[in-house]
Amino acid sequence: MSQSHPAKKRSLLVGAAAIGALVLSACGSSSAADDVSPTDSQGLETVNIGYFPLVHTSTIVHADQAGYLEEQGINAEMTQTEGGAAAIPSLISGDVDILYSNYTSMLLAAEQGLPVVLISGNDVAKDDHGIFVAEDSDIEDFADIEGKSFAVNNLQNIGTVSVYAQLEELGLSPDSVDLVEMPNPDMAPAVANGNVDAIWQVEPFQTISKQSGLKRIGDMFAGPAADMPVGGWVTTREFAEQNPEVIAAFRQALSQSSEDLQGNHDLHLELVPQYTEIDDAVAEELTLPHYDTELNIDALQYGADLMEEYGITSGPLDVAELVVE
């Protein structure tokens, strides 16, 4: 299941080409006038919000269920999406108006010429992201990763950036680790069976891995990758320009929701099993995310610079130009 470094590069290029192909279709998308959010019979702005069903997106689920979105004048149509770069096409095509995305996928899309912009933060990497190995593995910490295979959910994701940054700090090259792309649910069985040596697990998969007896050797985002912004909310530039009131309302509702959720285990226990497939036994043991709806431009720029350094993007990006005021 392992990939050689050339194979990893091919996978990165194929992913970039897939996003780049959307540039042409974006040119034929709806006009700016068509992007104005419609209103319902109650005068609320109807907004389709796409979210990947992780613990971290409890922010938007709670904002909807608690009525914060409606209080701000938004009639939310909630759509579960795929994770990573796979969700970006749903935004460009207009299937969703606002989307939860990891920053790496969003920045890669912007670098390819797609009209995506940042409107709000959501979560920052803490101990809710872990590195796991088999219980009897001789890997004790990240320094032991050299020469091993390491599963991440997407080669063009922030996990790749974190691994490469930590390798660089140790004086090692990206070739020192064999990154393998694998869906999150498949990772724990793969490392337990010896098909890969180490895996990245984000909640709720981190708790599932702990409960299955895997060994946690450290935080996924440590050293130069500590406290990295992981995921936030994006839209198209046209939608943002035509719907500034919706963007402001969305931010306010999300901020209220994040304040409720920060450190609130009982609220997570109530919410998360509703929209994910995890059961209460897992939800009870979750390591809670750290929410931050503010966009940290300096930290995001650091991530963008690392993406260029590691060849995920082909040139520099000015993150400030991608943020909606």
Protein backbone atom coordinates (compact mmCIF):
# COMPACT_ATOMS: atom_id res chain seq x y z
CA MET A 1 0.00 0.00 0.00
CA SER A 2 2.99 2.28 0.34
CA GLN A 3 3.85 4.82 -2.37
CA SER A 4 7.31 5.82 -3.51
CA HIS A 5 8.19 9.51 -3.48
CA PRO A 6 7.64 9.83 -7.29
CA ALA A 7 4.23 8.24 -6.80
CA LYS A 8 3.44 10.76 -4.09
CA LYS A 9 4.42 13.57 -6.44
CA ARG A 10 2.18 12.13 -9.17
CA SER A 11 -0.73 12.01 -6.74
CA LEU A 12 -0.15 15.64 -5.80
CA LEU A 13 -0.04 16.65 -9.45
CA VAL A 14 -3.15 14.65 -10.33
CA GLY A 15 -5.04 16.32 -7.48
CA ALA A 16 -3.84 19.74 -8.58
CA ALA A 17 -4.91 19.01 -12.14
CA ALA A 18 -8.36 17.95 -10.97
CA ILE A 19 -8.81 21.23 -9.15
CA GLY A 20 -7.31 23.13 -12.06
CA ALA A 21 -9.85 21.58 -14.43
CA LEU A 22 -12.53 23.35 -12.43
CA VAL A 23 -11.13 26.72 -13.51
CA LEU A 24 -12.69 26.30 -16.94
CA SER A 25 -16.05 25.27 -15.54
CA ALA A 26 -15.92 28.18 -13.10
CA CYS A 27 -15.77 30.52 -16.08
CA GLY A 28 -19.14 29.19 -17.16
CA SER A 29 -20.77 29.30 -13.74
CA SER A 30 -23.63 31.54 -12.68
CA SER A 31 -23.33 35.29 -13.00
CA ALA A 32 -22.75 37.48 -9.97
CA ALA A 33 -26.39 38.54 -10.06
CA ASP A 34 -27.47 34.90 -9.88
CA ASP A 35 -25.37 34.43 -6.74
CA VAL A 36 -27.57 36.73 -4.66
CA SER A 37 -29.07 34.61 -1.91
CA PRO A 38 -32.84 34.05 -2.34
CA THR A 39 -35.33 34.73 0.44
CA ASP A 40 -38.02 32.42 1.78
CA SER A 41 -41.63 33.21 2.71
CA GLN A 42 -40.50 34.56 6.10
CA GLY A 43 -38.01 36.93 4.53
CA LEU A 44 -35.00 34.84 5.59
CA GLU A 45 -32.03 34.49 3.25
CA THR A 46 -31.80 30.88 2.05
CA VAL A 47 -28.18 29.71 2.24
CA ASN A 48 -26.94 26.20 1.47
CA ILE A 49 -24.14 25.37 3.90
CA GLY A 50 -21.84 22.42 3.20
CA TYR A 51 -20.03 20.69 6.05
CA PHE A 52 -17.97 17.54 6.48
CA PRO A 53 -19.38 15.47 9.39
CA LEU A 54 -16.52 15.78 11.88
CA VAL A 55 -16.64 16.73 15.54
CA HIS A 56 -15.23 20.10 14.47
CA THR A 57 -18.28 20.99 12.38
CA SER A 58 -20.52 20.81 15.42
CA THR A 59 -20.13 24.59 15.23
CA ILE A 60 -22.48 24.85 12.26
CA VAL A 61 -24.83 22.08 13.41
CA HIS A 62 -25.28 23.83 16.75
CA ALA A 63 -25.64 27.24 15.08
CA ASP A 64 -28.54 25.78 13.11
CA GLN A 65 -30.18 23.82 15.93
CA ALA A 66 -29.84 26.61 18.49
CA GLY A 67 -31.51 29.03 16.10
CA TYR A 68 -28.51 31.35 15.82
CA LEU A 69 -28.57 31.26 12.02
CA GLU A 70 -32.28 32.00 11.90
CA GLU A 71 -31.89 34.83 14.42
CA GLN A 72 -29.36 36.35 12.05
CA GLY A 73 -31.78 36.11 9.12
CA ILE A 74 -30.47 32.90 7.53
CA ASN A 75 -32.64 29.98 6.47
CA ALA A 76 -29.93 27.30 6.42
CA GLU A 77 -30.08 24.32 4.10
CA MET A 78 -27.50 21.93 5.53
CA THR A 79 -25.59 19.60 3.18
CA GLN A 80 -23.02 17.01 4.22
CA THR A 81 -20.02 16.99 1.87
CA GLU A 82 -16.85 15.05 1.29
CA GLY A 83 -13.67 16.20 2.98
CA GLY A 84 -10.59 17.88 1.53
CA ALA A 85 -10.33 19.04 -2.05
CA ALA A 86 -13.24 16.80 -3.08
CA ALA A 87 -15.72 19.28 -1.59
CA ILE A 88 -14.50 22.33 -3.50
CA PRO A 89 -16.40 21.47 -6.73
CA SER A 90 -19.71 21.64 -4.85
CA LEU A 91 -18.90 25.24 -3.96
CA ILE A 92 -17.76 26.26 -7.43
CA SER A 93 -20.81 24.66 -9.06
CA GLY A 94 -23.18 26.50 -6.71
CA ASP A 95 -24.50 23.35 -5.02
CA VAL A 96 -23.46 24.95 -1.73
CA ASP A 97 -23.00 28.64 -0.96
CA ILE A 98 -20.70 28.35 2.06
CA LEU A 99 -18.39 25.41 2.73
CA TYR A 100 -16.26 24.03 5.56
CA SER A 101 -12.79 23.26 4.21
CA ASN A 102 -9.32 22.59 5.49
CA TYR A 103 -7.14 25.56 4.63
CA THR A 104 -4.67 23.59 2.53
CA SER A 105 -7.35 22.46 0.07
CA MET A 106 -8.78 25.97 -0.09
CA LEU A 107 -5.39 27.59 -0.72
CA LEU A 108 -4.57 25.01 -3.38
CA ALA A 109 -7.85 25.80 -5.12
CA ALA A 110 -7.07 29.52 -4.99
CA GLU A 111 -3.60 28.91 -6.40
CA GLN A 112 -5.21 27.07 -9.31
CA GLY A 113 -7.32 30.12 -10.10
CA LEU A 114 -10.64 29.17 -8.53
CA PRO A 115 -12.58 32.12 -7.03
CA VAL A 116 -12.60 30.91 -3.41
CA VAL A 117 -12.31 33.25 -0.42
CA LEU A 118 -12.10 32.84 3.35
CA ILE A 119 -14.93 34.20 5.50
CA SER A 120 -14.38 32.66 8.94
CA GLY A 121 -12.13 30.43 10.97
CA ASN A 122 -13.40 27.35 12.77
CA ASP A 123 -10.75 25.22 14.49
CA VAL A 124 -7.06 25.26 15.42
CA ALA A 125 -4.90 22.15 15.80
CA LYS A 126 -4.51 20.94 19.37
CA ASP A 127 -4.50 17.52 21.01
CA ASP A 128 -7.61 16.46 19.09
CA HIS A 129 -5.21 15.33 16.32
CA GLY A 130 -2.93 12.45 17.20
CA ILE A 131 -0.32 10.14 15.65
CA PHE A 132 -1.03 6.46 16.33
CA VAL A 133 0.91 3.25 15.84
CA ALA A 134 0.27 -0.40 16.63
CA GLU A 135 0.41 -1.32 20.31
CA ASP A 136 3.61 -3.36 19.83
CA SER A 137 5.28 -0.88 17.48
CA ASP A 138 8.88 0.21 18.17
CA ILE A 139 7.91 3.77 17.16
CA GLU A 140 7.93 5.84 20.34
CA ASP A 141 7.92 9.42 19.02
CA PHE A 142 7.99 11.38 15.77
CA ALA A 143 11.76 11.05 15.42
CA ASP A 144 11.25 7.30 14.93
CA ILE A 145 9.09 7.91 11.83
CA GLU A 146 12.11 8.02 9.49
CA GLY A 147 11.88 5.25 6.91
CA LYS A 148 8.32 4.36 7.89
CA SER A 149 4.98 4.58 6.10
CA PHE A 150 2.52 7.17 7.38
CA ALA A 151 -1.17 7.38 6.43
CA VAL A 152 -2.89 10.73 5.93
CA ASN A 153 -6.39 11.24 4.61
CA ASN A 154 -5.25 13.32 1.63
CA LEU A 155 -1.80 14.02 0.24
CA GLN A 156 -2.82 17.61 -0.47
CA ASN A 157 -4.08 18.23 3.03
CA ILE A 158 -2.68 20.06 6.02
CA GLY A 159 -1.49 16.74 7.43
CA THR A 160 1.14 16.52 4.69
CA VAL A 161 2.32 20.04 5.52
CA SER A 162 2.62 19.15 9.21
CA VAL A 163 4.59 15.96 8.57
CA TYR A 164 7.02 17.69 6.22
CA ALA A 165 7.51 20.63 8.62
CA GLN A 166 8.35 18.31 11.50
CA LEU A 167 10.71 16.28 9.30
CA GLU A 168 12.48 19.49 8.29
CA GLU A 169 12.93 20.46 11.93
CA LEU A 170 14.67 17.11 12.46
CA GLY A 171 16.94 17.75 9.49
CA LEU A 172 15.16 15.16 7.34
CA SER A 173 13.72 15.45 3.83
CA PRO A 174 10.15 14.64 2.76
CA ASP A 175 11.55 11.43 1.23
CA SER A 176 12.30 10.23 4.77
CA VAL A 177 8.69 9.15 5.20
CA ASP A 178 6.46 7.26 2.79
CA LEU A 179 3.12 9.09 2.91
CA VAL A 180 0.11 6.95 2.01
CA GLU A 181 -3.31 8.38 1.20
CA MET A 182 -6.11 6.57 3.03
CA PRO A 183 -9.65 7.37 4.25
CA ASN A 184 -9.86 8.01 7.99
CA PRO A 185 -12.07 5.00 8.80
CA ASP A 186 -9.56 2.63 7.14
CA MET A 187 -6.51 3.85 9.03
CA ALA A 188 -6.88 2.09 12.39
CA PRO A 189 -7.34 -1.38 10.85
CA ALA A 190 -4.46 -0.71 8.46
CA VAL A 191 -1.95 0.14 11.19
CA ALA A 192 -3.20 -2.67 13.43
CA ASN A 193 -2.68 -5.15 10.56
CA GLY A 194 0.78 -3.81 9.73
CA ASN A 195 -0.14 -2.37 6.36
CA VAL A 196 1.19 1.04 7.43
CA ASP A 197 3.44 2.01 10.30
CA ALA A 198 1.74 5.17 11.57
CA ILE A 199 -1.51 7.08 11.05
CA TRP A 200 -2.99 10.53 11.61
CA GLN A 201 -6.25 10.41 13.53
CA VAL A 202 -8.55 13.38 14.07
CA GLU A 203 -11.59 13.16 16.32
CA PRO A 204 -13.73 11.09 16.43
CA PHE A 205 -11.26 8.64 14.87
CA GLN A 206 -8.67 9.45 17.53
CA THR A 207 -10.95 8.16 20.29
CA ILE A 208 -11.85 5.10 18.22
CA SER A 209 -8.14 4.33 17.81
CA LYS A 210 -7.53 4.73 21.54
CA GLN A 211 -10.42 2.42 22.37
CA SER A 212 -9.16 -0.19 19.91
CA GLY A 213 -5.81 -0.38 21.71
CA LEU A 214 -3.58 1.60 19.35
CA LYS A 215 -0.68 3.58 20.84
CA ARG A 216 -0.69 7.38 20.64
CA ILE A 217 2.88 8.67 20.25
CA GLY A 218 2.19 12.41 20.07
CA ASP A 219 0.26 15.29 18.58
CA MET A 220 -0.03 15.43 14.82
CA PHE A 221 0.57 19.17 14.91
CA ALA A 222 3.66 19.77 17.00
CA GLY A 223 6.91 21.69 16.79
CA PRO A 224 6.78 24.02 13.77
CA ALA A 225 3.21 22.89 13.08
CA ALA A 226 1.87 23.58 16.59
CA ASP A 227 -1.39 25.52 16.79
CA MET A 228 -1.85 25.54 13.02
CA PRO A 229 -5.26 26.72 11.83
CA VAL A 230 -6.84 23.58 10.37
CA GLY A 231 -10.27 24.33 8.96
CA GLY A 232 -12.53 27.26 8.26
CA TRP A 233 -15.39 28.50 6.15
CA VAL A 234 -15.11 29.55 2.53
CA THR A 235 -17.33 30.83 -0.25
CA THR A 236 -16.89 32.14 -3.77
CA ARG A 237 -15.78 35.70 -4.31
CA GLU A 238 -18.99 36.40 -6.24
CA PHE A 239 -21.23 35.16 -3.45
CA ALA A 240 -19.34 37.20 -0.86
CA GLU A 241 -19.52 40.38 -2.95
CA GLN A 242 -23.24 39.99 -3.61
CA ASN A 243 -24.20 38.90 -0.09
CA PRO A 244 -22.19 40.90 2.48
CA GLU A 245 -25.10 40.84 4.95
CA VAL A 246 -25.25 37.04 4.75
CA ILE A 247 -21.50 36.77 5.40
CA ALA A 248 -21.75 39.07 8.44
CA ALA A 249 -24.76 37.15 9.74
CA PHE A 250 -23.04 33.80 9.24
CA ARG A 251 -19.99 34.99 11.17
CA GLN A 252 -22.09 36.19 14.08
CA ALA A 253 -24.06 32.95 14.31
CA LEU A 254 -20.90 30.83 14.10
CA SER A 255 -19.21 32.90 16.80
CA GLN A 256 -22.15 32.41 19.16
CA SER A 257 -22.14 28.68 18.49
CA SER A 258 -18.38 28.36 19.05
CA GLU A 259 -18.64 30.14 22.38
CA ASP A 260 -21.28 27.65 23.50
CA LEU A 261 -19.20 24.67 22.38
CA GLN A 262 -15.77 25.67 23.66
CA GLY A 263 -14.92 23.13 26.35
CA ASN A 264 -18.55 21.99 26.66
CA HIS A 265 -18.35 18.20 26.67
CA ASP A 266 -22.04 17.65 27.42
CA LEU A 267 -23.11 19.71 24.41
CA HIS A 268 -20.76 17.78 22.13
CA LEU A 269 -22.08 14.52 23.53
CA GLU A 270 -25.59 15.64 22.64
CA LEU A 271 -24.75 16.91 19.15
CA VAL A 272 -22.06 14.77 17.56
CA PRO A 273 -23.85 11.38 17.45
CA GLN A 274 -26.74 13.10 15.65
CA TYR A 275 -24.86 13.93 12.45
CA THR A 276 -21.94 11.45 12.53
CA GLU A 277 -22.00 7.68 12.72
CA ILE A 278 -20.24 7.45 16.07
CA ASP A 279 -22.01 6.09 19.13
CA ASP A 280 -22.30 7.54 22.63
CA ALA A 281 -19.43 5.41 23.95
CA VAL A 282 -17.05 7.16 21.57
CA ALA A 283 -18.62 10.59 22.03
CA GLU A 284 -18.14 10.35 25.80
CA GLU A 285 -14.36 10.05 25.39
CA LEU A 286 -13.78 12.71 22.74
CA THR A 287 -10.92 15.17 23.01
CA LEU A 288 -12.68 18.41 22.22
CA PRO A 289 -11.51 20.67 19.39
CA HIS A 290 -10.26 24.19 20.03
CA TYR A 291 -12.53 26.60 18.19
CA ASP A 292 -11.43 29.96 16.86
CA THR A 293 -13.62 31.80 14.36
CA GLU A 294 -11.06 34.58 13.90
CA LEU A 295 -8.84 34.21 10.84
CA ASN A 296 -5.18 34.34 11.89
CA ILE A 297 -3.63 35.77 8.72
CA ASP A 298 -0.02 35.36 9.89
CA ALA A 299 -0.53 31.69 10.77
CA LEU A 300 -2.37 31.03 7.51
CA GLN A 301 0.39 32.74 5.55
CA TYR A 302 2.94 30.54 7.28
CA GLY A 303 0.98 27.49 6.14
CA ALA A 304 0.76 28.84 2.59
CA ASP A 305 4.52 29.44 2.53
CA LEU A 306 5.13 25.85 3.66
CA MET A 307 2.85 24.59 0.89
CA GLU A 308 5.02 26.36 -1.67
CA GLU A 309 8.22 25.08 -0.03
CA TYR A 310 7.01 21.48 -0.17
CA GLY A 311 5.74 21.67 -3.75
CA ILE A 312 2.04 21.42 -2.96
CA THR A 313 1.57 24.80 -4.66
CA SER A 314 3.75 26.03 -7.52
CA GLY A 315 4.13 29.63 -6.38
CA PRO A 316 3.54 32.12 -3.57
CA LEU A 317 0.10 33.02 -2.27
CA ASP A 318 -0.92 36.20 -0.48
CA VAL A 319 -3.47 34.94 2.04
CA ALA A 320 -4.62 38.45 2.95
CA GLU A 321 -5.99 38.85 -0.58
CA LEU A 322 -8.19 35.78 -0.06
CA VAL A 323 -9.93 37.04 3.10
CA VAL A 324 -13.32 38.74 2.93
CA GLU A 325 -13.35 41.87 5.10
